Amino acid sequence: MTDHLAPGRPTRILTRILTFLEEDLAAVLLALSIVILCADVVGRYLFNHPVPGAASIAMVCFIWLTYLGAAAVARRGRHIAIDVLIERFSTRWRAITDVFVQLVVAAVLAYVLYWVWVATLTATFVDIPGLHLSRRVLTIALLVGFMLMALYCLRDLVTAVRGSITGRYSPYRETVGEMEGLVDPATAAAAQVAAAQPVTESIFMKKPKRGRKGPAAQNGPKA
């Protein structure tokens, strides 16, 4: 049983906005960096005319898509976790363990957010080489990414606290469809049937050789 309620219209709108910001925009930045770097290589080695500031543009795009992507993974609950021990716990103790984990994550995010916020407001930044753009834009990427991750950490913390109280807990895990449509149902069923067959049938059992005749065939038909 899951504790997640059916999302209403405001929740769906917010999810679409966050999906565009964290995934669609990150994909556009990735494509832009690839195109710029390819154009720079072609221009440099074929036409002896590289793209001005190509490396700097790619760096800015890569930093932004990294932190936007990290926020997207946090929203989907798909960060890597080792749950071999936690899976053996009861539902309530699993929720209590996640409360502790989310508190640690929240403390780390709060610490990083504080210093990134201080640096963004008070530090003096030089321009990025090749671009008339302050390096402050890079710290803003960190600020946006960690703020979004803190928001999702708060969501997961509330869910875990509720589960530790009620005893009904299902951590938020949003599938991304990476395994959908890769295996045909008929193929999967045939594989299961083949796996159910005993291994000794194909390894240890001897099969009769082709062309070998039995005793009756060698002596001929009986009169």
N, C-alpha and C. Protein backbone atom coordinates (compact mmCIF):
# COMPACT_ATOMS: atom_id res chain seq x y z
N MET A 1 0.85 -1.20 0.00
CA MET A 1 0.00 0.00 0.00
C MET A 1 0.88 1.23 0.00
N THR A 2 0.47 2.22 -0.71
CA THR A 2 1.27 3.43 -0.84
C THR A 2 0.57 4.59 -0.18
N ASP A 3 1.34 5.53 0.33
CA ASP A 3 0.81 6.71 0.99
C ASP A 3 0.67 7.89 0.06
N HIS A 4 1.09 7.78 -1.17
CA HIS A 4 1.09 8.91 -2.08
C HIS A 4 -0.32 9.13 -2.60
N LEU A 5 -0.79 10.34 -2.50
CA LEU A 5 -2.12 10.67 -2.96
C LEU A 5 -2.09 10.99 -4.44
N ALA A 6 -3.27 10.87 -5.06
CA ALA A 6 -3.37 11.19 -6.47
C ALA A 6 -3.10 12.67 -6.68
N PRO A 7 -2.23 13.04 -7.56
CA PRO A 7 -1.88 14.45 -7.74
C PRO A 7 -3.04 15.25 -8.32
N GLY A 8 -3.25 16.45 -7.74
CA GLY A 8 -4.27 17.32 -8.26
C GLY A 8 -3.74 18.15 -9.41
N ARG A 9 -4.58 19.06 -9.90
CA ARG A 9 -4.19 19.88 -11.04
C ARG A 9 -3.00 20.79 -10.72
N PRO A 10 -2.96 21.49 -9.57
CA PRO A 10 -1.77 22.31 -9.28
C PRO A 10 -0.49 21.48 -9.19
N THR A 11 -0.61 20.26 -8.63
CA THR A 11 0.57 19.41 -8.53
C THR A 11 1.05 18.97 -9.89
N ARG A 12 0.11 18.65 -10.79
CA ARG A 12 0.51 18.25 -12.14
C ARG A 12 1.16 19.40 -12.89
N ILE A 13 0.65 20.61 -12.71
CA ILE A 13 1.24 21.78 -13.38
C ILE A 13 2.64 22.03 -12.85
N LEU A 14 2.81 21.94 -11.52
CA LEU A 14 4.13 22.13 -10.94
C LEU A 14 5.10 21.06 -11.41
N THR A 15 4.61 19.82 -11.52
CA THR A 15 5.47 18.73 -11.99
C THR A 15 5.92 18.97 -13.42
N ARG A 16 5.02 19.47 -14.26
CA ARG A 16 5.39 19.76 -15.65
C ARG A 16 6.43 20.87 -15.72
N ILE A 17 6.27 21.89 -14.88
CA ILE A 17 7.23 22.98 -14.88
C ILE A 17 8.61 22.48 -14.45
N LEU A 18 8.62 21.69 -13.37
CA LEU A 18 9.89 21.15 -12.88
C LEU A 18 10.51 20.19 -13.88
N THR A 19 9.68 19.40 -14.55
CA THR A 19 10.20 18.47 -15.57
C THR A 19 10.84 19.23 -16.72
N PHE A 20 10.19 20.32 -17.14
CA PHE A 20 10.78 21.14 -18.21
C PHE A 20 12.09 21.75 -17.77
N LEU A 21 12.13 22.26 -16.54
CA LEU A 21 13.33 22.93 -16.06
C LEU A 21 14.48 21.97 -15.86
N GLU A 22 14.19 20.80 -15.26
CA GLU A 22 15.25 19.89 -14.85
C GLU A 22 15.65 18.89 -15.94
N GLU A 23 14.73 18.55 -16.81
CA GLU A 23 15.02 17.51 -17.80
C GLU A 23 15.07 18.07 -19.22
N ASP A 24 14.04 18.78 -19.64
CA ASP A 24 14.01 19.29 -21.00
C ASP A 24 15.09 20.35 -21.22
N LEU A 25 15.20 21.27 -20.28
CA LEU A 25 16.22 22.31 -20.41
C LEU A 25 17.62 21.70 -20.32
N ALA A 26 17.79 20.72 -19.43
CA ALA A 26 19.09 20.05 -19.34
C ALA A 26 19.43 19.32 -20.64
N ALA A 27 18.43 18.71 -21.28
CA ALA A 27 18.68 18.04 -22.56
C ALA A 27 19.06 19.05 -23.64
N VAL A 28 18.41 20.21 -23.64
CA VAL A 28 18.76 21.26 -24.61
C VAL A 28 20.19 21.75 -24.39
N LEU A 29 20.57 21.92 -23.13
CA LEU A 29 21.94 22.35 -22.83
C LEU A 29 22.97 21.31 -23.26
N LEU A 30 22.64 20.04 -23.06
CA LEU A 30 23.55 18.98 -23.50
C LEU A 30 23.70 18.98 -25.02
N ALA A 31 22.58 19.09 -25.73
CA ALA A 31 22.64 19.13 -27.19
C ALA A 31 23.41 20.35 -27.68
N LEU A 32 23.20 21.48 -27.02
CA LEU A 32 23.90 22.71 -27.41
C LEU A 32 25.41 22.57 -27.22
N SER A 33 25.82 22.00 -26.09
CA SER A 33 27.25 21.82 -25.86
C SER A 33 27.88 20.87 -26.87
N ILE A 34 27.16 19.80 -27.23
CA ILE A 34 27.70 18.86 -28.23
C ILE A 34 27.84 19.54 -29.59
N VAL A 35 26.82 20.28 -29.99
CA VAL A 35 26.85 20.95 -31.29
C VAL A 35 27.99 21.98 -31.34
N ILE A 36 28.15 22.75 -30.28
CA ILE A 36 29.19 23.78 -30.26
C ILE A 36 30.58 23.16 -30.30
N LEU A 37 30.78 22.10 -29.52
CA LEU A 37 32.10 21.46 -29.52
C LEU A 37 32.41 20.81 -30.87
N CYS A 38 31.41 20.17 -31.48
CA CYS A 38 31.63 19.58 -32.81
C CYS A 38 31.94 20.65 -33.84
N ALA A 39 31.19 21.76 -33.79
CA ALA A 39 31.46 22.86 -34.72
C ALA A 39 32.84 23.44 -34.48
N ASP A 40 33.27 23.51 -33.24
CA ASP A 40 34.60 24.04 -32.94
C ASP A 40 35.70 23.13 -33.49
N VAL A 41 35.52 21.81 -33.35
CA VAL A 41 36.52 20.88 -33.88
C VAL A 41 36.60 20.96 -35.40
N VAL A 42 35.41 20.98 -36.04
CA VAL A 42 35.39 21.05 -37.50
C VAL A 42 36.02 22.37 -37.98
N GLY A 43 35.63 23.47 -37.34
CA GLY A 43 36.18 24.76 -37.75
C GLY A 43 37.67 24.88 -37.49
N ARG A 44 38.14 24.27 -36.41
CA ARG A 44 39.55 24.38 -36.06
C ARG A 44 40.44 23.59 -37.01
N TYR A 45 40.05 22.35 -37.33
CA TYR A 45 40.94 21.46 -38.07
C TYR A 45 40.67 21.44 -39.58
N LEU A 46 39.50 21.89 -40.00
CA LEU A 46 39.21 21.90 -41.44
C LEU A 46 39.31 23.30 -42.03
N PHE A 47 38.87 24.31 -41.28
CA PHE A 47 38.83 25.66 -41.83
C PHE A 47 39.78 26.62 -41.10
N ASN A 48 40.50 26.08 -40.09
CA ASN A 48 41.43 26.90 -39.33
C ASN A 48 40.75 28.14 -38.74
N HIS A 49 39.50 27.95 -38.31
CA HIS A 49 38.73 29.05 -37.73
C HIS A 49 37.82 28.48 -36.63
N PRO A 50 38.33 28.34 -35.40
CA PRO A 50 37.51 27.77 -34.32
C PRO A 50 36.38 28.70 -33.90
N VAL A 51 35.42 28.13 -33.23
CA VAL A 51 34.30 28.92 -32.71
C VAL A 51 34.77 29.68 -31.47
N PRO A 52 34.65 30.99 -31.42
CA PRO A 52 35.12 31.75 -30.25
C PRO A 52 34.33 31.36 -29.00
N GLY A 53 35.06 31.05 -27.93
CA GLY A 53 34.41 30.75 -26.65
C GLY A 53 33.67 29.44 -26.61
N ALA A 54 33.98 28.52 -27.50
CA ALA A 54 33.25 27.25 -27.55
C ALA A 54 33.44 26.45 -26.25
N ALA A 55 34.67 26.36 -25.78
CA ALA A 55 34.94 25.60 -24.56
C ALA A 55 34.24 26.21 -23.35
N SER A 56 34.19 27.52 -23.28
CA SER A 56 33.53 28.19 -22.15
C SER A 56 32.03 27.99 -22.20
N ILE A 57 31.45 28.07 -23.39
CA ILE A 57 30.00 27.84 -23.52
C ILE A 57 29.66 26.41 -23.12
N ALA A 58 30.48 25.46 -23.57
CA ALA A 58 30.23 24.06 -23.21
C ALA A 58 30.38 23.85 -21.70
N MET A 59 31.33 24.55 -21.07
CA MET A 59 31.51 24.42 -19.62
C MET A 59 30.29 24.92 -18.87
N VAL A 60 29.77 26.07 -19.27
CA VAL A 60 28.57 26.63 -18.62
C VAL A 60 27.38 25.69 -18.79
N CYS A 61 27.20 25.18 -20.00
CA CYS A 61 26.09 24.26 -20.26
C CYS A 61 26.22 22.99 -19.43
N PHE A 62 27.44 22.48 -19.34
CA PHE A 62 27.66 21.23 -18.62
C PHE A 62 27.41 21.40 -17.12
N ILE A 63 27.86 22.50 -16.54
CA ILE A 63 27.63 22.73 -15.11
C ILE A 63 26.15 22.87 -14.82
N TRP A 64 25.43 23.62 -15.65
CA TRP A 64 24.00 23.79 -15.42
C TRP A 64 23.25 22.48 -15.58
N LEU A 65 23.55 21.70 -16.62
CA LEU A 65 22.81 20.45 -16.81
C LEU A 65 23.17 19.43 -15.73
N THR A 66 24.37 19.52 -15.16
CA THR A 66 24.74 18.60 -14.09
C THR A 66 23.86 18.79 -12.87
N TYR A 67 23.70 20.04 -12.43
CA TYR A 67 22.92 20.29 -11.21
C TYR A 67 21.42 20.22 -11.47
N LEU A 68 20.99 20.57 -12.66
CA LEU A 68 19.58 20.36 -12.99
C LEU A 68 19.26 18.88 -13.07
N GLY A 69 20.18 18.09 -13.64
CA GLY A 69 19.98 16.66 -13.70
C GLY A 69 19.98 16.01 -12.33
N ALA A 70 20.86 16.49 -11.43
CA ALA A 70 20.87 15.96 -10.07
C ALA A 70 19.55 16.24 -9.36
N ALA A 71 18.98 17.42 -9.60
CA ALA A 71 17.68 17.73 -9.02
C ALA A 71 16.57 16.84 -9.61
N ALA A 72 16.67 16.56 -10.90
CA ALA A 72 15.67 15.69 -11.53
C ALA A 72 15.72 14.28 -10.96
N VAL A 73 16.93 13.77 -10.75
CA VAL A 73 17.07 12.44 -10.16
C VAL A 73 16.53 12.42 -8.73
N ALA A 74 16.77 13.50 -7.98
CA ALA A 74 16.23 13.58 -6.62
C ALA A 74 14.70 13.64 -6.64
N ARG A 75 14.14 14.35 -7.61
CA ARG A 75 12.68 14.42 -7.70
C ARG A 75 12.07 13.05 -7.99
N ARG A 76 12.72 12.27 -8.82
CA ARG A 76 12.23 10.94 -9.15
C ARG A 76 12.60 9.90 -8.10
N GLY A 77 13.43 10.26 -7.13
CA GLY A 77 13.85 9.30 -6.13
C GLY A 77 14.71 8.20 -6.69
N ARG A 78 15.59 8.54 -7.64
CA ARG A 78 16.37 7.53 -8.35
C ARG A 78 17.86 7.62 -8.06
N HIS A 79 18.26 8.33 -7.01
CA HIS A 79 19.67 8.34 -6.66
C HIS A 79 20.10 6.95 -6.20
N ILE A 80 21.34 6.60 -6.44
CA ILE A 80 21.85 5.28 -6.11
C ILE A 80 21.82 5.08 -4.60
N ALA A 81 21.29 3.94 -4.17
CA ALA A 81 21.22 3.61 -2.75
C ALA A 81 21.47 2.12 -2.57
N ILE A 82 22.17 1.78 -1.53
CA ILE A 82 22.42 0.38 -1.19
C ILE A 82 21.40 -0.02 -0.12
N ASP A 83 20.42 -0.81 -0.51
CA ASP A 83 19.31 -1.13 0.38
C ASP A 83 19.25 -2.61 0.75
N VAL A 84 20.41 -3.29 0.72
CA VAL A 84 20.42 -4.72 1.05
C VAL A 84 19.97 -4.94 2.49
N LEU A 85 20.42 -4.10 3.42
CA LEU A 85 20.05 -4.25 4.82
C LEU A 85 18.67 -3.68 5.10
N ILE A 86 18.36 -2.53 4.48
CA ILE A 86 17.09 -1.87 4.76
C ILE A 86 15.91 -2.71 4.28
N GLU A 87 16.08 -3.46 3.20
CA GLU A 87 14.99 -4.28 2.69
C GLU A 87 14.58 -5.37 3.67
N ARG A 88 15.43 -5.69 4.63
CA ARG A 88 15.11 -6.71 5.63
C ARG A 88 14.32 -6.14 6.80
N PHE A 89 14.22 -4.81 6.88
CA PHE A 89 13.50 -4.18 7.97
C PHE A 89 12.00 -4.25 7.75
N SER A 90 11.26 -4.03 8.82
CA SER A 90 9.81 -3.88 8.69
C SER A 90 9.50 -2.52 8.09
N THR A 91 8.25 -2.32 7.71
CA THR A 91 7.88 -1.06 7.06
C THR A 91 8.12 0.14 7.96
N ARG A 92 7.76 0.01 9.23
CA ARG A 92 7.94 1.13 10.16
C ARG A 92 9.42 1.45 10.37
N TRP A 93 10.26 0.43 10.56
CA TRP A 93 11.68 0.67 10.77
C TRP A 93 12.36 1.17 9.50
N ARG A 94 11.83 0.78 8.35
CA ARG A 94 12.37 1.32 7.10
C ARG A 94 12.09 2.81 7.02
N ALA A 95 10.89 3.21 7.43
CA ALA A 95 10.56 4.64 7.44
C ALA A 95 11.41 5.40 8.44
N ILE A 96 11.64 4.80 9.64
CA ILE A 96 12.47 5.46 10.65
C ILE A 96 13.90 5.63 10.13
N THR A 97 14.41 4.61 9.44
CA THR A 97 15.76 4.72 8.87
C THR A 97 15.82 5.82 7.82
N ASP A 98 14.79 5.93 6.99
CA ASP A 98 14.77 6.98 5.97
C ASP A 98 14.64 8.36 6.60
N VAL A 99 13.98 8.46 7.74
CA VAL A 99 13.93 9.75 8.44
C VAL A 99 15.33 10.20 8.81
N PHE A 100 16.12 9.28 9.37
CA PHE A 100 17.51 9.60 9.73
C PHE A 100 18.32 9.98 8.49
N VAL A 101 18.15 9.21 7.40
CA VAL A 101 18.90 9.49 6.17
C VAL A 101 18.54 10.86 5.62
N GLN A 102 17.25 11.18 5.58
CA GLN A 102 16.83 12.46 5.03
C GLN A 102 17.27 13.63 5.91
N LEU A 103 17.36 13.41 7.21
CA LEU A 103 17.87 14.47 8.09
C LEU A 103 19.34 14.75 7.80
N VAL A 104 20.12 13.70 7.57
CA VAL A 104 21.53 13.88 7.23
C VAL A 104 21.66 14.61 5.89
N VAL A 105 20.87 14.19 4.91
CA VAL A 105 20.91 14.84 3.60
C VAL A 105 20.49 16.30 3.71
N ALA A 106 19.46 16.57 4.51
CA ALA A 106 19.00 17.95 4.69
C ALA A 106 20.07 18.82 5.34
N ALA A 107 20.80 18.25 6.31
CA ALA A 107 21.86 19.02 6.97
C ALA A 107 22.97 19.36 5.98
N VAL A 108 23.36 18.40 5.14
CA VAL A 108 24.40 18.65 4.14
C VAL A 108 23.94 19.70 3.14
N LEU A 109 22.70 19.57 2.66
CA LEU A 109 22.18 20.53 1.69
C LEU A 109 22.09 21.93 2.29
N ALA A 110 21.66 22.03 3.55
CA ALA A 110 21.56 23.34 4.20
C ALA A 110 22.93 23.98 4.34
N TYR A 111 23.94 23.18 4.68
CA TYR A 111 25.30 23.72 4.82
C TYR A 111 25.83 24.24 3.48
N VAL A 112 25.63 23.43 2.43
CA VAL A 112 26.12 23.84 1.11
C VAL A 112 25.34 25.06 0.61
N LEU A 113 24.03 25.06 0.82
CA LEU A 113 23.21 26.18 0.35
C LEU A 113 23.62 27.48 1.03
N TYR A 114 23.92 27.41 2.30
CA TYR A 114 24.31 28.63 3.02
C TYR A 114 25.55 29.26 2.41
N TRP A 115 26.59 28.45 2.19
CA TRP A 115 27.84 29.00 1.68
C TRP A 115 27.74 29.38 0.20
N VAL A 116 26.94 28.66 -0.56
CA VAL A 116 26.74 29.06 -1.95
C VAL A 116 25.98 30.38 -2.02
N TRP A 117 24.98 30.54 -1.14
CA TRP A 117 24.23 31.80 -1.10
C TRP A 117 25.15 32.96 -0.69
N VAL A 118 26.00 32.75 0.31
CA VAL A 118 26.93 33.80 0.73
C VAL A 118 27.89 34.15 -0.40
N ALA A 119 28.41 33.13 -1.07
CA ALA A 119 29.35 33.38 -2.17
C ALA A 119 28.67 34.10 -3.32
N THR A 120 27.42 33.75 -3.61
CA THR A 120 26.72 34.39 -4.73
C THR A 120 26.49 35.86 -4.47
N LEU A 121 26.23 36.22 -3.22
CA LEU A 121 25.89 37.61 -2.90
C LEU A 121 27.11 38.48 -2.62
N THR A 122 28.16 37.90 -2.07
CA THR A 122 29.27 38.73 -1.58
C THR A 122 30.56 38.58 -2.38
N ALA A 123 30.77 37.47 -3.04
CA ALA A 123 32.06 37.25 -3.71
C ALA A 123 32.17 38.11 -4.97
N THR A 124 33.42 38.38 -5.34
CA THR A 124 33.71 39.10 -6.57
C THR A 124 34.14 38.10 -7.63
N PHE A 125 33.44 38.10 -8.75
CA PHE A 125 33.68 37.11 -9.78
C PHE A 125 34.31 37.78 -11.01
N VAL A 126 35.23 37.06 -11.62
CA VAL A 126 35.82 37.50 -12.88
C VAL A 126 34.98 36.92 -14.02
N ASP A 127 35.21 37.43 -15.20
CA ASP A 127 34.47 36.94 -16.36
C ASP A 127 35.01 35.59 -16.82
N ILE A 128 34.12 34.83 -17.43
CA ILE A 128 34.51 33.55 -18.00
C ILE A 128 35.33 33.81 -19.26
N PRO A 129 36.46 33.13 -19.43
CA PRO A 129 37.30 33.37 -20.62
C PRO A 129 36.52 33.13 -21.91
N GLY A 130 36.63 34.11 -22.80
CA GLY A 130 35.94 34.02 -24.09
C GLY A 130 34.52 34.50 -24.08
N LEU A 131 33.97 34.76 -22.91
CA LEU A 131 32.58 35.23 -22.80
C LEU A 131 32.55 36.48 -21.92
N HIS A 132 31.69 37.41 -22.26
CA HIS A 132 31.47 38.57 -21.41
C HIS A 132 30.39 38.23 -20.39
N LEU A 133 30.73 37.23 -19.54
CA LEU A 133 29.75 36.68 -18.60
C LEU A 133 30.47 36.39 -17.29
N SER A 134 29.87 36.85 -16.19
CA SER A 134 30.48 36.65 -14.89
C SER A 134 30.37 35.18 -14.46
N ARG A 135 31.36 34.76 -13.69
CA ARG A 135 31.32 33.40 -13.16
C ARG A 135 30.22 33.22 -12.11
N ARG A 136 29.55 34.28 -11.76
CA ARG A 136 28.42 34.18 -10.83
C ARG A 136 27.33 33.26 -11.38
N VAL A 137 27.25 33.19 -12.72
CA VAL A 137 26.24 32.33 -13.32
C VAL A 137 26.48 30.86 -12.98
N LEU A 138 27.73 30.50 -12.69
CA LEU A 138 28.03 29.13 -12.31
C LEU A 138 27.58 28.83 -10.88
N THR A 139 27.77 29.79 -9.97
CA THR A 139 27.30 29.59 -8.60
C THR A 139 25.78 29.61 -8.54
N ILE A 140 25.15 30.35 -9.44
CA ILE A 140 23.68 30.33 -9.48
C ILE A 140 23.18 28.95 -9.87
N ALA A 141 23.92 28.25 -10.74
CA ALA A 141 23.55 26.88 -11.10
C ALA A 141 23.57 25.99 -9.87
N LEU A 142 24.61 26.12 -9.04
CA LEU A 142 24.67 25.35 -7.79
C LEU A 142 23.52 25.72 -6.87
N LEU A 143 23.21 27.01 -6.80
CA LEU A 143 22.15 27.48 -5.92
C LEU A 143 20.80 26.90 -6.33
N VAL A 144 20.51 26.95 -7.62
CA VAL A 144 19.23 26.42 -8.10
C VAL A 144 19.15 24.91 -7.89
N GLY A 145 20.21 24.21 -8.24
CA GLY A 145 20.20 22.76 -8.10
C GLY A 145 20.03 22.31 -6.67
N PHE A 146 20.78 22.90 -5.74
CA PHE A 146 20.68 22.49 -4.35
C PHE A 146 19.36 22.92 -3.71
N MET A 147 18.79 24.03 -4.14
CA MET A 147 17.48 24.43 -3.63
C MET A 147 16.41 23.43 -4.05
N LEU A 148 16.46 22.98 -5.29
CA LEU A 148 15.49 21.98 -5.74
C LEU A 148 15.69 20.66 -5.01
N MET A 149 16.94 20.25 -4.82
CA MET A 149 17.19 19.01 -4.08
C MET A 149 16.72 19.11 -2.63
N ALA A 150 16.87 20.30 -2.03
CA ALA A 150 16.38 20.50 -0.67
C ALA A 150 14.85 20.38 -0.62
N LEU A 151 14.18 20.88 -1.64
CA LEU A 151 12.73 20.77 -1.71
C LEU A 151 12.29 19.31 -1.75
N TYR A 152 12.95 18.50 -2.56
CA TYR A 152 12.60 17.08 -2.65
C TYR A 152 13.01 16.33 -1.40
N CYS A 153 14.08 16.75 -0.76
CA CYS A 153 14.48 16.13 0.50
C CYS A 153 13.40 16.37 1.57
N LEU A 154 12.85 17.58 1.59
CA LEU A 154 11.76 17.89 2.53
C LEU A 154 10.54 17.03 2.24
N ARG A 155 10.22 16.84 0.97
CA ARG A 155 9.10 15.96 0.60
C ARG A 155 9.32 14.54 1.10
N ASP A 156 10.51 14.00 0.87
CA ASP A 156 10.80 12.64 1.30
C ASP A 156 10.84 12.52 2.82
N LEU A 157 11.29 13.57 3.50
CA LEU A 157 11.32 13.56 4.95
C LEU A 157 9.91 13.52 5.52
N VAL A 158 9.01 14.33 4.98
CA VAL A 158 7.62 14.32 5.44
C VAL A 158 6.98 12.95 5.20
N THR A 159 7.25 12.35 4.04
CA THR A 159 6.71 11.03 3.74
C THR A 159 7.24 9.98 4.71
N ALA A 160 8.53 10.04 5.03
CA ALA A 160 9.12 9.07 5.96
C ALA A 160 8.59 9.25 7.37
N VAL A 161 8.43 10.49 7.83
CA VAL A 161 7.88 10.73 9.16
C VAL A 161 6.45 10.22 9.25
N ARG A 162 5.67 10.47 8.22
CA ARG A 162 4.30 9.97 8.20
C ARG A 162 4.28 8.45 8.23
N GLY A 163 5.19 7.81 7.49
CA GLY A 163 5.23 6.36 7.49
C GLY A 163 5.67 5.78 8.81
N SER A 164 6.61 6.45 9.50
CA SER A 164 7.05 5.97 10.81
C SER A 164 5.95 6.07 11.85
N ILE A 165 4.99 6.97 11.65
CA ILE A 165 3.88 7.13 12.59
C ILE A 165 2.75 6.16 12.27
N THR A 166 2.40 6.07 11.00
CA THR A 166 1.25 5.24 10.62
C THR A 166 1.61 3.78 10.38
N GLY A 167 2.89 3.49 10.13
CA GLY A 167 3.29 2.12 9.82
C GLY A 167 3.07 1.73 8.38
N ARG A 168 2.56 2.64 7.58
CA ARG A 168 2.38 2.41 6.14
C ARG A 168 3.32 3.35 5.41
N TYR A 169 4.27 2.77 4.69
CA TYR A 169 5.32 3.59 4.09
C TYR A 169 5.76 2.99 2.77
N SER A 170 5.81 3.84 1.77
CA SER A 170 6.35 3.47 0.47
C SER A 170 7.17 4.64 -0.04
N PRO A 171 8.49 4.52 -0.04
CA PRO A 171 9.32 5.66 -0.49
C PRO A 171 9.03 6.03 -1.93
N TYR A 172 9.16 7.31 -2.20
CA TYR A 172 8.81 7.82 -3.53
C TYR A 172 9.84 7.37 -4.55
N ARG A 173 9.40 6.58 -5.51
CA ARG A 173 10.25 6.12 -6.60
C ARG A 173 9.47 6.28 -7.90
N GLU A 174 9.91 7.18 -8.73
CA GLU A 174 9.25 7.43 -10.01
C GLU A 174 10.02 6.72 -11.12
N THR A 175 9.34 5.83 -11.83
CA THR A 175 9.99 5.11 -12.92
C THR A 175 10.20 6.06 -14.09
N VAL A 176 11.24 5.78 -14.85
CA VAL A 176 11.58 6.60 -16.01
C VAL A 176 11.37 5.86 -17.31
N GLY A 177 10.82 4.62 -17.23
CA GLY A 177 10.50 3.86 -18.43
C GLY A 177 11.70 3.30 -19.15
N GLU A 178 12.82 3.11 -18.40
CA GLU A 178 14.02 2.64 -19.06
C GLU A 178 13.94 1.17 -19.46
N MET A 179 13.00 0.41 -18.84
CA MET A 179 12.89 -1.01 -19.14
C MET A 179 11.60 -1.34 -19.87
N GLU A 180 10.80 -0.33 -20.17
CA GLU A 180 9.53 -0.59 -20.83
C GLU A 180 9.73 -0.83 -22.32
N GLY A 181 9.07 -1.88 -22.83
CA GLY A 181 9.10 -2.15 -24.25
C GLY A 181 10.36 -2.80 -24.75
N LEU A 182 11.30 -3.15 -23.86
CA LEU A 182 12.54 -3.76 -24.30
C LEU A 182 12.40 -5.27 -24.48
N VAL A 183 11.45 -5.89 -23.76
CA VAL A 183 11.26 -7.32 -23.82
C VAL A 183 9.84 -7.61 -24.25
N ASP A 184 9.70 -8.39 -25.30
CA ASP A 184 8.38 -8.78 -25.77
C ASP A 184 7.78 -9.78 -24.78
N PRO A 185 6.47 -9.68 -24.46
CA PRO A 185 5.87 -10.61 -23.49
C PRO A 185 6.00 -12.06 -23.91
N ALA A 186 5.84 -12.38 -25.20
CA ALA A 186 5.97 -13.76 -25.66
C ALA A 186 7.40 -14.26 -25.47
N THR A 187 8.37 -13.39 -25.75
CA THR A 187 9.77 -13.77 -25.55
C THR A 187 10.08 -14.01 -24.08
N ALA A 188 9.51 -13.15 -23.21
CA ALA A 188 9.74 -13.33 -21.78
C ALA A 188 9.12 -14.63 -21.28
N ALA A 189 7.91 -14.97 -21.79
CA ALA A 189 7.27 -16.22 -21.38
C ALA A 189 8.06 -17.43 -21.85
N ALA A 190 8.57 -17.39 -23.09
CA ALA A 190 9.38 -18.49 -23.60
C ALA A 190 10.67 -18.64 -22.80
N ALA A 191 11.25 -17.53 -22.39
CA ALA A 191 12.47 -17.60 -21.58
C ALA A 191 12.21 -18.21 -20.22
N GLN A 192 11.05 -17.89 -19.64
CA GLN A 192 10.71 -18.48 -18.35
C GLN A 192 10.50 -19.99 -18.47
N VAL A 193 9.85 -20.45 -19.56
CA VAL A 193 9.65 -21.88 -19.76
C VAL A 193 10.98 -22.59 -19.96
N ALA A 194 11.88 -21.98 -20.73
CA ALA A 194 13.18 -22.58 -20.96
C ALA A 194 14.00 -22.64 -19.67
N ALA A 195 13.86 -21.62 -18.84
CA ALA A 195 14.60 -21.61 -17.58
C ALA A 195 14.08 -22.66 -16.61
N ALA A 196 12.80 -23.03 -16.76
CA ALA A 196 12.22 -24.02 -15.86
C ALA A 196 12.63 -25.44 -16.19
N GLN A 197 13.18 -25.67 -17.38
CA GLN A 197 13.60 -27.01 -17.76
C GLN A 197 14.82 -27.42 -16.95
N PRO A 198 14.90 -28.73 -16.56
CA PRO A 198 16.07 -29.17 -15.78
C PRO A 198 17.35 -29.07 -16.59
N VAL A 199 18.40 -28.64 -15.90
CA VAL A 199 19.68 -28.45 -16.58
C VAL A 199 20.27 -29.79 -17.00
N THR A 200 20.01 -30.85 -16.25
CA THR A 200 20.62 -32.15 -16.54
C THR A 200 20.14 -32.72 -17.86
N GLU A 201 19.00 -32.24 -18.34
CA GLU A 201 18.48 -32.79 -19.59
C GLU A 201 19.37 -32.44 -20.76
N SER A 202 20.01 -31.31 -20.72
CA SER A 202 20.84 -30.88 -21.83
C SER A 202 22.33 -31.09 -21.60
N ILE A 203 22.72 -31.40 -20.36
CA ILE A 203 24.15 -31.53 -20.06
C ILE A 203 24.56 -32.99 -19.86
N PHE A 204 23.84 -33.71 -19.01
CA PHE A 204 24.29 -35.03 -18.61
C PHE A 204 23.59 -36.17 -19.34
N MET A 205 22.42 -35.94 -19.88
CA MET A 205 21.72 -37.02 -20.57
C MET A 205 22.30 -37.23 -21.95
N LYS A 206 22.58 -38.47 -22.29
CA LYS A 206 23.12 -38.79 -23.60
C LYS A 206 22.00 -38.95 -24.60
N LYS A 207 22.20 -38.39 -25.74
CA LYS A 207 21.22 -38.50 -26.80
C LYS A 207 21.68 -39.56 -27.80
N PRO A 208 20.75 -40.35 -28.38
CA PRO A 208 21.14 -41.39 -29.36
C PRO A 208 21.75 -40.76 -30.59
N LYS A 209 22.79 -41.44 -31.11
CA LYS A 209 23.46 -40.93 -32.30
C LYS A 209 22.59 -41.19 -33.52
N ARG A 210 22.68 -40.26 -34.45
CA ARG A 210 21.91 -40.39 -35.68
C ARG A 210 22.51 -41.50 -36.56
N GLY A 211 21.64 -42.25 -37.19
CA GLY A 211 22.08 -43.29 -38.12
C GLY A 211 22.41 -44.61 -37.45
N ARG A 212 22.33 -44.67 -36.11
CA ARG A 212 22.63 -45.92 -35.42
C ARG A 212 21.37 -46.77 -35.30
N LYS A 213 21.44 -48.01 -35.70
CA LYS A 213 20.27 -48.87 -35.70
C LYS A 213 20.28 -49.74 -34.45
N GLY A 214 19.06 -50.02 -33.96
CA GLY A 214 18.91 -50.85 -32.78
C GLY A 214 19.13 -52.31 -33.11
N PRO A 215 19.08 -53.20 -32.11
CA PRO A 215 19.29 -54.63 -32.33
C PRO A 215 18.28 -55.25 -33.28
N ALA A 216 17.04 -54.79 -33.19
CA ALA A 216 16.00 -55.36 -34.06
C ALA A 216 16.26 -54.99 -35.49
N ALA A 217 16.72 -53.79 -35.71
CA ALA A 217 16.97 -53.35 -37.08
C ALA A 217 18.17 -54.06 -37.66
N GLN A 218 19.20 -54.38 -36.79
CA GLN A 218 20.39 -55.05 -37.33
C GLN A 218 20.12 -56.51 -37.69
N ASN A 219 19.30 -57.23 -36.94
CA ASN A 219 19.00 -58.63 -37.21
C ASN A 219 17.94 -58.82 -38.27
N GLY A 220 17.31 -57.74 -38.65
CA GLY A 220 16.27 -57.87 -39.67
C GLY A 220 14.94 -58.22 -39.04
N PRO A 221 13.92 -58.16 -39.81
CA PRO A 221 12.59 -58.46 -39.28
C PRO A 221 12.45 -59.93 -38.93
N LYS A 222 11.71 -60.15 -37.86
CA LYS A 222 11.46 -61.53 -37.43
C LYS A 222 10.51 -62.22 -38.38
N ALA A 223 10.75 -63.56 -38.58
CA ALA A 223 9.90 -64.35 -39.50
C ALA A 223 8.56 -64.63 -38.84
